[in-house]
Amino acid sequence: MNIGSGNGYPESALSNFSPHTFILDGVKCNSMEGFLQSLKFKNPEMQKQVCTLVGRQAKFKGNHKAWWQTQTLHWQGKEINRHSQEYQDLLNRAFDALSGNLSFRKALLASGNSSLTHGMGKSDPHHTVLTENEFCSRLLAIREKIK
């Protein structure tokens, strides 16, 4: 099952572009894409604004940030190395928070026992804030937990 916003259900509903609201560290996120793009912004208030965005609007907002030059991301005023355990822990917490969203859970359960891929995803963590493996492995772990 190839996850993507332009695909059918449940693939499209599992996309980071989907409007699934969750709260992480007191910050309301209207989509996983909004959260991920917010990590490219140093200013916590700007992060909160980006977290409210969904889909292409969120993607576009973070598109021109050159975070990859330093491999540094940010969350709530703190710098985080893209390749650190701290960053992986933040991703885990974000996906755990997302897993509380009922429409996300429904879509994930609708994927049954299908393998999950993300053909549009990148595999090199130097060039993306979420690799295909980081994304799909978290979805599989959540699906296993909520079955």
Protein backbone atom coordinates (compact mmCIF):
# COMPACT_ATOMS: atom_id res chain seq x y z
CA MET A 1 0.00 0.00 0.00
CA ASN A 2 1.64 3.22 -1.19
CA ILE A 3 0.80 6.13 1.11
CA GLY A 4 0.20 9.40 -0.69
CA SER A 5 -2.24 12.29 -0.59
CA GLY A 6 -3.36 11.65 -4.19
CA ASN A 7 -4.16 7.98 -3.64
CA GLY A 8 -7.41 6.35 -2.54
CA TYR A 9 -8.53 5.53 0.98
CA PRO A 10 -6.88 4.63 3.30
CA GLU A 11 -3.57 5.57 1.64
CA SER A 12 -4.53 9.24 1.31
CA ALA A 13 -5.77 9.42 4.90
CA LEU A 14 -2.42 8.10 6.15
CA SER A 15 -0.51 10.81 4.31
CA ASN A 16 1.22 13.48 6.39
CA PHE A 17 -0.85 15.95 4.35
CA SER A 18 -4.11 14.67 5.87
CA PRO A 19 -5.89 16.94 8.35
CA HIS A 20 -5.50 14.88 11.52
CA THR A 21 -5.35 17.12 14.59
CA PHE A 22 -3.16 16.22 17.57
CA ILE A 23 -1.47 18.04 20.43
CA LEU A 24 2.25 17.73 21.15
CA ASP A 25 3.80 19.47 24.15
CA GLY A 26 0.79 21.77 24.36
CA VAL A 27 1.03 22.77 20.67
CA LYS A 28 -1.98 22.06 18.45
CA CYS A 29 -0.94 20.46 15.16
CA ASN A 30 -3.53 20.18 12.39
CA SER A 31 -1.46 17.70 10.39
CA MET A 32 1.77 15.75 10.66
CA GLU A 33 3.08 17.77 7.70
CA GLY A 34 2.49 21.00 9.61
CA PHE A 35 4.44 19.63 12.57
CA LEU A 36 7.31 18.36 10.41
CA GLN A 37 7.64 21.63 8.51
CA SER A 38 7.53 23.59 11.77
CA LEU A 39 10.76 21.92 12.84
CA LYS A 40 12.59 23.98 10.22
CA PHE A 41 11.73 27.23 12.03
CA LYS A 42 13.73 28.47 15.00
CA ASN A 43 11.08 30.84 16.38
CA PRO A 44 8.59 28.98 18.63
CA GLU A 45 5.72 31.33 17.70
CA MET A 46 6.32 30.73 14.00
CA GLN A 47 6.42 27.00 14.73
CA LYS A 48 2.99 27.18 16.34
CA GLN A 49 1.64 28.93 13.24
CA VAL A 50 3.18 26.37 10.88
CA CYS A 51 1.73 23.54 13.01
CA THR A 52 -1.75 24.80 12.13
CA LEU A 53 -1.14 24.28 8.40
CA VAL A 54 -2.27 21.27 6.39
CA GLY A 55 -1.13 19.63 3.16
CA ARG A 56 0.61 21.59 0.43
CA GLN A 57 0.25 24.82 2.40
CA ALA A 58 2.38 23.30 5.18
CA LYS A 59 4.89 21.81 2.72
CA PHE A 60 5.26 25.11 0.87
CA LYS A 61 5.83 27.06 4.11
CA GLY A 62 8.93 25.01 4.97
CA ASN A 63 10.17 24.41 1.43
CA HIS A 64 12.70 27.24 1.35
CA LYS A 65 14.26 26.65 4.75
CA ALA A 66 17.87 25.44 4.37
CA TRP A 67 17.93 23.32 7.54
CA TRP A 68 19.91 20.64 5.71
CA GLN A 69 23.00 22.87 5.58
CA THR A 70 23.50 22.46 9.33
CA GLN A 71 21.34 19.35 9.86
CA THR A 72 19.72 21.28 12.70
CA LEU A 73 16.01 21.35 13.44
CA HIS A 74 14.12 23.08 16.25
CA TRP A 75 11.32 22.38 18.66
CA GLN A 76 10.03 24.86 21.24
CA GLY A 77 13.19 26.96 21.25
CA LYS A 78 15.61 24.05 21.37
CA GLU A 79 18.04 23.03 18.62
CA ILE A 80 17.95 19.36 17.71
CA ASN A 81 20.47 17.51 15.57
CA ARG A 82 18.63 15.70 12.77
CA HIS A 83 20.72 12.57 13.37
CA SER A 84 20.30 12.37 17.13
CA GLN A 85 18.35 10.01 19.34
CA GLU A 86 16.65 13.11 20.72
CA TYR A 87 15.20 13.75 17.26
CA GLN A 88 13.99 10.16 16.91
CA ASP A 89 12.38 10.45 20.34
CA LEU A 90 10.60 13.64 19.23
CA LEU A 91 9.28 11.86 16.13
CA ASN A 92 8.08 8.98 18.32
CA ARG A 93 6.23 11.39 20.60
CA ALA A 94 4.66 13.17 17.62
CA PHE A 95 3.42 9.95 16.05
CA ASP A 96 2.19 8.72 19.43
CA ALA A 97 0.20 11.95 19.75
CA LEU A 98 -1.14 11.50 16.21
CA SER A 99 -2.24 7.97 17.06
CA GLY A 100 -4.84 9.45 19.42
CA ASN A 101 -6.72 10.94 16.46
CA LEU A 102 -9.71 8.72 15.71
CA SER A 103 -9.85 9.30 11.95
CA PHE A 104 -6.13 8.51 11.68
CA ARG A 105 -6.61 5.32 13.72
CA LYS A 106 -9.55 4.29 11.53
CA ALA A 107 -7.48 4.76 8.35
CA LEU A 108 -4.54 2.89 9.82
CA LEU A 109 -6.75 -0.04 10.84
CA ALA A 110 -8.31 0.02 7.35
CA SER A 111 -4.87 -0.74 5.94
CA GLY A 112 -5.29 -4.23 7.39
CA ASN A 113 -2.09 -6.24 7.22
CA SER A 114 -0.82 -4.53 4.07
CA SER A 115 2.80 -3.56 3.84
CA LEU A 116 3.19 0.22 3.83
CA THR A 117 5.41 2.20 1.49
CA HIS A 118 5.79 5.86 0.66
CA GLY A 119 7.04 6.10 -2.91
CA MET A 120 7.41 9.87 -2.75
CA GLY A 121 9.53 9.65 0.40
CA LYS A 122 13.28 10.10 0.47
CA SER A 123 15.64 7.62 2.08
CA ASP A 124 18.59 9.90 2.93
CA PRO A 125 18.05 11.65 6.29
CA HIS A 126 20.41 14.44 5.18
CA HIS A 127 17.75 15.61 2.71
CA THR A 128 14.44 15.08 4.53
CA VAL A 129 13.04 15.57 8.02
CA LEU A 130 11.27 12.19 7.77
CA THR A 131 12.59 9.32 5.69
CA GLU A 132 10.31 6.71 4.16
CA ASN A 133 11.59 4.19 6.70
CA GLU A 134 11.09 6.54 9.66
CA PHE A 135 7.54 7.18 8.48
CA CYS A 136 6.39 3.69 7.55
CA SER A 137 8.03 1.92 10.50
CA ARG A 138 6.21 4.22 12.92
CA LEU A 139 2.87 3.63 11.19
CA LEU A 140 3.41 -0.13 11.34
CA ALA A 141 4.32 0.03 15.04
CA ILE A 142 1.21 2.10 15.83
CA ARG A 143 -0.99 -0.24 13.78
CA GLU A 144 0.34 -3.22 15.68
CA LYS A 145 -0.32 -1.50 19.00
CA ILE A 146 -3.93 -0.49 18.22
CA LYS A 147 -5.12 -3.75 16.61
